[in-house]
């Protein structure tokens, strides 16, 4: 399948944690409907393990807790669920976004790494559709 037809701008990718030395993998989190790339992955109040200046401030646990357990570069991926797009368009755009990420990692770190995809709600369905398309 030719993925050039898909609009990569439907998805936004943000690095929330980067390993300085050699990451073992890449984690990508894709939110679902009515969510976004930040609030979907926030804990309502930070756990004791998360250093915080304000105990009432939500903590982005994918960047605060996961680095303790995983030697990984961590990204959140967002999309505007209020704009009507087909599942095919969203999955195609997600594949283009992941391809760009993989190319950048290969260029910068000079090696390929496994990419672990985590989806919440409709984000998981977009991931499944993307895997079927690829």
N, C-alpha and C. Protein backbone atom coordinates (compact mmCIF):
# COMPACT_ATOMS: atom_id res chain seq x y z
N UNK A 1 0.84 -1.19 0.00
CA UNK A 1 0.00 0.00 0.00
C UNK A 1 0.88 1.24 0.00
N UNK A 2 0.49 2.24 -0.76
CA UNK A 2 1.21 3.50 -0.84
C UNK A 2 0.69 4.43 0.26
N UNK A 3 1.54 4.74 1.23
CA UNK A 3 1.12 5.56 2.36
C UNK A 3 1.32 7.05 2.10
N UNK A 4 1.85 7.42 0.93
CA UNK A 4 2.03 8.83 0.60
C UNK A 4 0.69 9.56 0.51
N UNK A 5 -0.37 8.83 0.27
CA UNK A 5 -1.69 9.45 0.15
C UNK A 5 -2.24 9.98 1.48
N UNK A 6 -1.65 9.56 2.59
CA UNK A 6 -2.19 9.94 3.90
C UNK A 6 -1.54 11.21 4.41
N UNK A 7 -2.32 11.99 5.14
CA UNK A 7 -1.85 13.26 5.69
C UNK A 7 -1.20 13.03 7.05
N UNK A 8 0.10 13.15 7.09
CA UNK A 8 0.84 12.94 8.33
C UNK A 8 0.46 13.97 9.40
N UNK A 9 -0.08 15.10 8.98
CA UNK A 9 -0.42 16.17 9.92
C UNK A 9 -1.64 15.84 10.78
N UNK A 10 -2.34 14.74 10.48
CA UNK A 10 -3.47 14.34 11.33
C UNK A 10 -3.00 13.90 12.71
N UNK A 11 -1.74 13.49 12.80
CA UNK A 11 -1.18 13.02 14.06
C UNK A 11 -0.04 13.93 14.49
N UNK A 12 0.06 14.16 15.80
CA UNK A 12 1.19 14.91 16.34
C UNK A 12 1.94 14.01 17.31
N UNK A 13 3.23 14.03 17.24
CA UNK A 13 4.07 13.19 18.07
C UNK A 13 4.91 14.08 18.96
N UNK A 14 4.93 13.75 20.26
CA UNK A 14 5.73 14.56 21.18
C UNK A 14 6.58 13.64 22.05
N UNK A 15 7.86 13.93 22.11
CA UNK A 15 8.75 13.19 23.00
C UNK A 15 8.53 13.66 24.43
N UNK A 16 8.20 12.74 25.32
CA UNK A 16 7.99 13.12 26.73
C UNK A 16 9.13 12.62 27.61
N UNK A 17 9.95 11.71 27.07
CA UNK A 17 11.14 11.25 27.79
C UNK A 17 12.13 10.70 26.77
N UNK A 18 13.38 11.12 26.87
CA UNK A 18 14.43 10.63 25.99
C UNK A 18 15.57 10.07 26.83
N UNK A 19 16.02 8.88 26.49
CA UNK A 19 17.15 8.26 27.16
C UNK A 19 18.43 8.85 26.57
N UNK A 20 19.36 9.20 27.43
CA UNK A 20 20.57 9.84 26.94
C UNK A 20 21.50 8.86 26.23
N UNK A 21 21.64 7.67 26.77
CA UNK A 21 22.57 6.70 26.19
C UNK A 21 21.91 5.86 25.12
N UNK A 22 21.66 4.60 25.41
CA UNK A 22 21.14 3.67 24.41
C UNK A 22 19.78 3.12 24.86
N UNK A 23 18.69 3.66 24.32
CA UNK A 23 17.39 3.10 24.69
C UNK A 23 17.24 1.69 24.12
N UNK A 24 16.51 0.85 24.85
CA UNK A 24 16.27 -0.52 24.39
C UNK A 24 15.05 -0.59 23.49
N UNK A 25 14.17 0.42 23.61
CA UNK A 25 12.92 0.40 22.84
C UNK A 25 12.32 1.80 22.79
N UNK A 26 11.26 1.91 22.02
CA UNK A 26 10.50 3.15 21.92
C UNK A 26 9.07 2.82 22.34
N UNK A 27 8.51 3.63 23.22
CA UNK A 27 7.11 3.48 23.62
C UNK A 27 6.31 4.63 23.02
N UNK A 28 5.20 4.31 22.36
CA UNK A 28 4.33 5.33 21.77
C UNK A 28 2.93 5.14 22.32
N UNK A 29 2.37 6.20 22.91
CA UNK A 29 1.04 6.17 23.51
C UNK A 29 0.07 6.97 22.64
N UNK A 30 -1.02 6.33 22.22
CA UNK A 30 -2.03 6.97 21.36
C UNK A 30 -3.35 7.03 22.11
N UNK A 31 -3.87 8.23 22.32
CA UNK A 31 -5.10 8.42 23.09
C UNK A 31 -6.34 8.04 22.29
N UNK A 32 -7.46 8.01 22.98
CA UNK A 32 -8.73 7.66 22.34
C UNK A 32 -9.62 8.87 22.13
N UNK A 33 -10.88 8.58 21.90
CA UNK A 33 -11.87 9.63 21.63
C UNK A 33 -12.13 10.41 22.92
N UNK A 34 -12.37 11.66 22.80
CA UNK A 34 -12.58 12.67 23.87
C UNK A 34 -11.33 12.90 24.71
N UNK A 35 -10.21 12.30 24.34
CA UNK A 35 -8.97 12.51 25.09
C UNK A 35 -7.99 13.36 24.30
N UNK A 36 -6.82 13.51 24.86
CA UNK A 36 -5.72 14.15 24.13
C UNK A 36 -4.42 13.53 24.60
N UNK A 37 -3.33 13.94 23.99
CA UNK A 37 -2.06 13.28 24.24
C UNK A 37 -1.48 13.57 25.62
N UNK A 38 -2.07 14.48 26.35
CA UNK A 38 -1.60 14.78 27.71
C UNK A 38 -2.55 14.22 28.77
N UNK A 39 -3.79 14.71 28.78
CA UNK A 39 -4.69 14.37 29.89
C UNK A 39 -5.05 12.90 29.95
N UNK A 40 -5.03 12.19 28.82
CA UNK A 40 -5.33 10.76 28.85
C UNK A 40 -4.32 10.01 29.70
N UNK A 41 -3.09 10.48 29.74
CA UNK A 41 -2.01 9.77 30.43
C UNK A 41 -1.60 10.44 31.74
N UNK A 42 -2.49 11.29 32.28
CA UNK A 42 -2.20 11.95 33.56
C UNK A 42 -2.86 11.19 34.70
N UNK A 43 -2.15 11.13 35.81
CA UNK A 43 -2.75 10.63 37.06
C UNK A 43 -3.41 11.84 37.72
N UNK A 44 -4.64 11.67 38.26
CA UNK A 44 -5.34 12.83 38.86
C UNK A 44 -4.53 13.54 39.92
N UNK A 45 -3.84 12.78 40.75
CA UNK A 45 -2.92 13.38 41.71
C UNK A 45 -1.67 12.50 41.70
N UNK A 46 -0.51 13.11 41.78
CA UNK A 46 0.71 12.34 41.62
C UNK A 46 0.90 11.31 42.74
N UNK A 47 1.30 10.10 42.37
CA UNK A 47 1.66 9.12 43.39
C UNK A 47 2.89 9.59 44.16
N UNK A 48 3.14 9.01 45.30
CA UNK A 48 4.27 9.43 46.13
C UNK A 48 5.60 9.27 45.40
N UNK A 49 5.66 8.32 44.45
CA UNK A 49 6.92 8.09 43.73
C UNK A 49 7.26 9.22 42.77
N UNK A 50 6.28 10.07 42.45
CA UNK A 50 6.49 11.13 41.47
C UNK A 50 6.79 12.44 42.19
N UNK A 51 8.01 12.96 42.00
CA UNK A 51 8.31 14.25 42.62
C UNK A 51 7.44 15.34 42.01
N UNK A 52 6.80 16.12 42.87
CA UNK A 52 5.93 17.18 42.39
C UNK A 52 5.99 18.37 43.34
N UNK A 53 5.91 19.54 42.75
CA UNK A 53 5.90 20.74 43.58
C UNK A 53 4.52 20.99 44.17
N UNK A 54 3.49 20.49 43.50
CA UNK A 54 2.11 20.69 43.93
C UNK A 54 1.40 19.34 43.92
N UNK A 55 1.01 18.86 45.10
CA UNK A 55 0.37 17.54 45.21
C UNK A 55 -0.99 17.48 44.52
N UNK A 56 -1.56 18.62 44.20
CA UNK A 56 -2.86 18.64 43.53
C UNK A 56 -2.73 18.71 42.01
N UNK A 57 -1.52 18.85 41.55
CA UNK A 57 -1.26 18.97 40.11
C UNK A 57 -1.23 17.58 39.48
N UNK A 58 -1.94 17.37 38.36
CA UNK A 58 -1.89 16.06 37.70
C UNK A 58 -0.47 15.74 37.22
N UNK A 59 -0.14 14.45 37.23
CA UNK A 59 1.19 14.01 36.81
C UNK A 59 1.08 13.19 35.53
N UNK A 60 1.90 13.51 34.55
CA UNK A 60 1.95 12.74 33.32
C UNK A 60 2.79 11.49 33.61
N UNK A 61 2.11 10.41 34.02
CA UNK A 61 2.81 9.23 34.52
C UNK A 61 3.68 8.56 33.47
N UNK A 62 3.35 8.72 32.18
CA UNK A 62 4.20 8.07 31.16
C UNK A 62 5.60 8.68 31.12
N UNK A 63 5.74 9.92 31.56
CA UNK A 63 7.07 10.54 31.58
C UNK A 63 7.68 10.57 32.97
N UNK A 64 6.87 10.40 34.00
CA UNK A 64 7.38 10.48 35.38
C UNK A 64 7.66 9.10 35.99
N UNK A 65 6.81 8.12 35.72
CA UNK A 65 6.96 6.80 36.33
C UNK A 65 7.62 5.77 35.43
N UNK A 66 7.23 5.72 34.16
CA UNK A 66 7.76 4.70 33.26
C UNK A 66 9.28 4.73 33.11
N UNK A 67 9.91 5.89 33.06
CA UNK A 67 11.37 5.89 32.91
C UNK A 67 12.08 5.14 34.03
N UNK A 68 11.44 4.99 35.20
CA UNK A 68 12.05 4.24 36.29
C UNK A 68 12.11 2.75 35.98
N UNK A 69 11.19 2.27 35.15
CA UNK A 69 11.09 0.83 34.88
C UNK A 69 11.51 0.41 33.48
N UNK A 70 11.59 1.36 32.56
CA UNK A 70 11.89 1.02 31.17
C UNK A 70 13.03 1.88 30.64
N UNK A 71 13.95 1.25 29.95
CA UNK A 71 15.01 1.98 29.27
C UNK A 71 14.49 2.29 27.87
N UNK A 72 13.68 3.35 27.79
CA UNK A 72 12.98 3.62 26.53
C UNK A 72 12.83 5.11 26.28
N UNK A 73 12.82 5.45 24.98
CA UNK A 73 12.36 6.78 24.58
C UNK A 73 10.84 6.69 24.57
N UNK A 74 10.17 7.70 25.13
CA UNK A 74 8.71 7.66 25.28
C UNK A 74 8.08 8.84 24.57
N UNK A 75 7.04 8.54 23.78
CA UNK A 75 6.33 9.55 23.00
C UNK A 75 4.83 9.43 23.26
N UNK A 76 4.16 10.58 23.19
CA UNK A 76 2.70 10.56 23.11
C UNK A 76 2.33 11.01 21.71
N UNK A 77 1.27 10.43 21.20
CA UNK A 77 0.80 10.75 19.86
C UNK A 77 -0.63 11.26 19.99
N UNK A 78 -0.91 12.40 19.39
CA UNK A 78 -2.23 12.99 19.50
C UNK A 78 -2.89 13.17 18.15
N UNK A 79 -4.21 13.24 18.19
CA UNK A 79 -5.01 13.50 16.99
C UNK A 79 -6.27 14.22 17.44
N UNK A 80 -6.84 15.01 16.57
CA UNK A 80 -8.02 15.81 16.89
C UNK A 80 -9.27 14.99 16.60
N UNK A 81 -9.85 14.44 17.65
CA UNK A 81 -11.02 13.57 17.49
C UNK A 81 -12.28 14.35 17.11
N UNK A 82 -12.23 15.68 17.19
CA UNK A 82 -13.42 16.47 16.83
C UNK A 82 -13.54 16.68 15.32
N UNK A 83 -12.44 16.40 14.60
CA UNK A 83 -12.44 16.55 13.14
C UNK A 83 -12.81 15.19 12.53
N UNK A 84 -13.85 15.15 11.70
CA UNK A 84 -14.24 13.86 11.14
C UNK A 84 -13.21 13.31 10.15
N UNK A 85 -12.71 12.13 10.46
CA UNK A 85 -11.79 11.39 9.59
C UNK A 85 -12.21 9.93 9.63
N UNK A 86 -11.91 9.22 8.57
CA UNK A 86 -12.22 7.79 8.58
C UNK A 86 -11.13 7.05 9.37
N UNK A 87 -11.45 5.84 9.80
CA UNK A 87 -10.47 5.02 10.49
C UNK A 87 -9.27 4.75 9.56
N UNK A 88 -9.55 4.58 8.30
CA UNK A 88 -8.52 4.35 7.29
C UNK A 88 -7.55 5.54 7.24
N UNK A 89 -8.08 6.76 7.24
CA UNK A 89 -7.24 7.96 7.19
C UNK A 89 -6.39 8.09 8.46
N UNK A 90 -7.01 7.85 9.62
CA UNK A 90 -6.28 7.96 10.88
C UNK A 90 -5.18 6.91 10.98
N UNK A 91 -5.49 5.67 10.61
CA UNK A 91 -4.50 4.60 10.68
C UNK A 91 -3.36 4.86 9.69
N UNK A 92 -3.67 5.32 8.50
CA UNK A 92 -2.64 5.63 7.51
C UNK A 92 -1.74 6.75 7.98
N UNK A 93 -2.32 7.77 8.58
CA UNK A 93 -1.54 8.88 9.12
C UNK A 93 -0.65 8.40 10.27
N UNK A 94 -1.18 7.50 11.10
CA UNK A 94 -0.41 6.95 12.21
C UNK A 94 0.80 6.17 11.68
N UNK A 95 0.61 5.39 10.63
CA UNK A 95 1.72 4.64 10.03
C UNK A 95 2.79 5.61 9.51
N UNK A 96 2.38 6.68 8.85
CA UNK A 96 3.35 7.67 8.34
C UNK A 96 4.11 8.31 9.50
N UNK A 97 3.40 8.61 10.58
CA UNK A 97 4.03 9.22 11.76
C UNK A 97 5.06 8.26 12.36
N UNK A 98 4.69 6.99 12.49
CA UNK A 98 5.62 6.00 13.04
C UNK A 98 6.82 5.79 12.12
N UNK A 99 6.59 5.81 10.81
CA UNK A 99 7.68 5.65 9.85
C UNK A 99 8.68 6.79 9.98
N UNK A 100 8.18 8.01 10.13
CA UNK A 100 9.06 9.17 10.32
C UNK A 100 9.86 9.03 11.61
N UNK A 101 9.19 8.58 12.67
CA UNK A 101 9.86 8.38 13.96
C UNK A 101 10.97 7.33 13.81
N UNK A 102 10.65 6.21 13.19
CA UNK A 102 11.64 5.14 13.01
C UNK A 102 12.83 5.63 12.18
N UNK A 103 12.56 6.39 11.13
CA UNK A 103 13.65 6.94 10.30
C UNK A 103 14.54 7.88 11.11
N UNK A 104 13.93 8.74 11.92
CA UNK A 104 14.69 9.68 12.75
C UNK A 104 15.55 8.94 13.77
N UNK A 105 14.97 7.93 14.41
CA UNK A 105 15.73 7.16 15.41
C UNK A 105 16.90 6.46 14.74
N UNK A 106 16.67 5.89 13.58
CA UNK A 106 17.73 5.19 12.86
C UNK A 106 18.85 6.16 12.49
N UNK A 107 18.48 7.37 12.08
CA UNK A 107 19.47 8.38 11.71
C UNK A 107 20.25 8.87 12.94
N UNK A 108 19.52 9.18 14.03
CA UNK A 108 20.15 9.79 15.21
C UNK A 108 20.90 8.77 16.07
N UNK A 109 20.30 7.62 16.27
CA UNK A 109 20.90 6.64 17.19
C UNK A 109 21.65 5.55 16.46
N UNK A 110 21.56 5.58 15.15
CA UNK A 110 22.30 4.66 14.29
C UNK A 110 21.92 3.20 14.52
N UNK A 111 20.70 2.95 14.91
CA UNK A 111 20.23 1.57 15.04
C UNK A 111 18.71 1.56 15.03
N UNK A 112 18.16 0.42 14.70
CA UNK A 112 16.70 0.30 14.75
C UNK A 112 16.31 -0.24 16.12
N UNK A 113 15.17 0.17 16.60
CA UNK A 113 14.69 -0.23 17.91
C UNK A 113 13.26 -0.75 17.81
N UNK A 114 12.88 -1.68 18.68
CA UNK A 114 11.48 -2.10 18.69
C UNK A 114 10.59 -0.94 19.14
N UNK A 115 9.43 -0.84 18.52
CA UNK A 115 8.46 0.19 18.91
C UNK A 115 7.27 -0.51 19.55
N UNK A 116 6.98 -0.13 20.79
CA UNK A 116 5.85 -0.69 21.53
C UNK A 116 4.72 0.33 21.46
N UNK A 117 3.56 -0.10 20.98
CA UNK A 117 2.41 0.79 20.81
C UNK A 117 1.39 0.54 21.91
N UNK A 118 0.95 1.62 22.55
CA UNK A 118 -0.05 1.53 23.61
C UNK A 118 -1.21 2.45 23.23
N UNK A 119 -2.39 1.89 23.13
CA UNK A 119 -3.55 2.69 22.75
C UNK A 119 -4.62 2.66 23.83
N UNK A 120 -5.28 3.76 24.00
CA UNK A 120 -6.41 3.86 24.91
C UNK A 120 -7.67 4.05 24.09
N UNK A 121 -8.68 3.20 24.33
CA UNK A 121 -9.98 3.39 23.71
C UNK A 121 -9.84 3.32 22.18
N UNK A 122 -10.31 4.32 21.48
CA UNK A 122 -10.24 4.33 20.03
C UNK A 122 -8.80 4.35 19.51
N UNK A 123 -7.88 4.84 20.33
CA UNK A 123 -6.47 4.80 19.97
C UNK A 123 -6.00 3.37 19.73
N UNK A 124 -6.48 2.44 20.54
CA UNK A 124 -6.14 1.03 20.36
C UNK A 124 -6.69 0.48 19.06
N UNK A 125 -7.88 0.92 18.68
CA UNK A 125 -8.48 0.47 17.42
C UNK A 125 -7.73 1.05 16.23
N UNK A 126 -7.28 2.30 16.35
CA UNK A 126 -6.46 2.91 15.29
C UNK A 126 -5.17 2.11 15.12
N UNK A 127 -4.56 1.71 16.23
CA UNK A 127 -3.34 0.91 16.17
C UNK A 127 -3.61 -0.42 15.48
N UNK A 128 -4.71 -1.07 15.85
CA UNK A 128 -5.06 -2.36 15.21
C UNK A 128 -5.26 -2.20 13.71
N UNK A 129 -5.98 -1.17 13.31
CA UNK A 129 -6.22 -0.92 11.89
C UNK A 129 -4.91 -0.65 11.17
N UNK A 130 -4.04 0.13 11.79
CA UNK A 130 -2.73 0.44 11.19
C UNK A 130 -1.91 -0.84 10.99
N UNK A 131 -1.96 -1.73 11.95
CA UNK A 131 -1.21 -2.99 11.83
C UNK A 131 -1.78 -3.86 10.72
N UNK A 132 -3.08 -3.83 10.55
CA UNK A 132 -3.69 -4.60 9.46
C UNK A 132 -3.34 -4.01 8.09
N UNK A 133 -3.22 -2.69 8.03
CA UNK A 133 -2.89 -2.01 6.78
C UNK A 133 -1.43 -2.20 6.39
N UNK A 134 -0.58 -2.32 7.38
CA UNK A 134 0.86 -2.39 7.14
C UNK A 134 1.20 -3.78 6.71
